[in-house]
Amino acid sequence: MKKEYDFSKAVQGEFYRPMERLEIPIYLDKEVKEFFGKTASKKKIGLDKVVNIILRKEMEMLKAMGI
């Protein structure tokens, strides 16, 4: 490594590319994953879709309650 670097001609953000979508892993308890995994299999959709449907309904309920 050099002791000093010359950044006088650098362009800020020249190589920056914003991420389109950030995927954050969510870890479910084994029992929860198995239960909703079975539901997803029966409906032939992904577990993520089942969990999103449930969470959206929960959001609607909380909004209706004013929470």
Protein backbone atom coordinates (compact mmCIF):
# COMPACT_ATOMS: atom_id res chain seq x y z
CA MET A 1 0.00 0.00 0.00
CA LYS A 2 1.20 3.49 -0.75
CA LYS A 3 1.68 5.97 2.08
CA GLU A 4 -0.46 8.54 0.24
CA TYR A 5 -2.97 8.48 -2.58
CA ASP A 6 -3.88 11.39 -4.84
CA PHE A 7 -7.65 11.85 -5.02
CA SER A 8 -7.51 15.38 -6.45
CA LYS A 9 -8.93 14.23 -9.81
CA ALA A 10 -11.42 11.78 -8.33
CA VAL A 11 -15.12 12.04 -9.14
CA GLN A 12 -17.38 11.38 -6.18
CA GLY A 13 -19.91 8.62 -6.87
CA GLU A 14 -18.45 7.71 -10.27
CA PHE A 15 -18.73 3.97 -9.66
CA TYR A 16 -21.72 4.00 -7.31
CA ARG A 17 -24.67 1.94 -8.49
CA PRO A 18 -27.76 2.06 -6.27
CA MET A 19 -29.17 -1.29 -5.31
CA GLU A 20 -32.55 -1.89 -6.91
CA ARG A 21 -33.85 -4.09 -4.12
CA LEU A 22 -32.33 -5.13 -0.85
CA GLU A 23 -33.30 -8.61 0.28
CA ILE A 24 -33.13 -8.95 4.04
CA PRO A 25 -33.13 -12.52 5.37
CA ILE A 26 -35.83 -13.32 7.89
CA TYR A 27 -35.45 -16.38 10.05
CA LEU A 28 -38.58 -18.22 11.15
CA ASP A 29 -38.92 -20.60 14.06
CA LYS A 30 -38.91 -24.22 12.96
CA GLU A 31 -42.55 -24.79 13.95
CA VAL A 32 -43.72 -21.64 12.14
CA LYS A 33 -41.74 -22.48 9.02
CA GLU A 34 -43.10 -26.04 8.90
CA PHE A 35 -46.71 -24.92 9.40
CA PHE A 36 -46.67 -22.22 6.75
CA GLY A 37 -44.43 -24.32 4.50
CA LYS A 38 -47.21 -26.92 4.36
CA THR A 39 -49.72 -24.20 3.51
CA ALA A 40 -47.44 -22.93 0.76
CA SER A 41 -47.06 -26.45 -0.65
CA LYS A 42 -50.83 -27.00 -0.71
CA LYS A 43 -51.37 -23.68 -2.50
CA LYS A 44 -48.36 -24.32 -4.77
CA ILE A 45 -46.82 -20.94 -3.97
CA GLY A 46 -43.61 -19.92 -2.25
CA LEU A 47 -43.30 -19.65 1.51
CA ASP A 48 -42.34 -15.99 1.09
CA LYS A 49 -45.67 -15.26 -0.61
CA VAL A 50 -47.64 -16.96 2.19
CA VAL A 51 -45.76 -15.03 4.87
CA ASN A 52 -46.25 -11.75 2.97
CA ILE A 53 -50.01 -12.38 2.68
CA ILE A 54 -50.24 -13.03 6.43
CA LEU A 55 -48.16 -9.98 7.33
CA ARG A 56 -50.18 -7.73 5.00
CA LYS A 57 -53.41 -8.85 6.68
CA GLU A 58 -51.83 -8.16 10.06
CA MET A 59 -50.83 -4.68 8.85
CA GLU A 60 -54.40 -3.98 7.70
CA MET A 61 -55.78 -5.12 11.05
CA LEU A 62 -53.34 -2.95 13.02
CA LYS A 63 -54.10 0.07 10.81
CA ALA A 64 -57.85 -0.47 11.34
CA MET A 65 -57.24 -0.55 15.09
CA GLY A 66 -55.28 2.71 14.84
CA ILE A 67 -52.01 1.14 15.94
